[in-house]
Amino acid sequence: MKKKITIITTFYNQNDFLKKVVLDWISWTDAVRDQFSFCILDDYSETIATEVLKDTDLSNLDLSIYRVTDDIPWNQHGATNLGIQECSTDYVMVIDMDTVVSENLAVELLKLANLNVENVAYRFNRMKKDGSVYKIHPKVCLINKKEFWEVGGYDEDFCGNYGGNDMWFWYRWGAPQQAS
């Protein structure tokens, strides 16, 4: 079965989050998990992602782990470009390391990707611990890989500085801007 979506996350010194995110993916049923690829982009962490996960059975995951070997501050967008370049699925779900994709959400993502709507990127709200909805997350999205590159991907000129890249990407995409 061809995978439908690659979930891409960057990792930078968030060992506990990395373990939690991967264990969540592993916990999904085979029927759902088998439609996904997963990609971890280690953005020059002190402890490399493969070391953090060395005691975790990853055999049920279609997982790729890449390590950026240049210490560029705030390089998560450059690392994300790498993951999207290397993935083989038509759709990518870009998340931050502290974003949890439950199995229920994964099923809904598959429904969205199966719609094959052109020129549409799905953006997601953040949720507070109490379950209330917060603002749209500036980075987290489900997007067609080809369309991501048609607007140039993330502008790596912003790497090395905090902020700006997400808003610039969505501006070029043509999305209405919202304060984050």
Foldseek 3Di string as FASTA:
>chain_A
DAAAEEEEEEDAQPLVLLVVQLVQLVPADLVLQVNYAYEYEYEPHPQAPCNSCVVPPCVSHNYDYHYDPDNWAQQRQVSVVVVLVPDDHQKYWYDYSNDHQHSVNSVVLVVVSVVVDPLDKAWDFDADPVGDTDGTDLTTIMDGSVLCPVLPGFDSVCTNDPDDRSQVSVVSSVHDDDDD
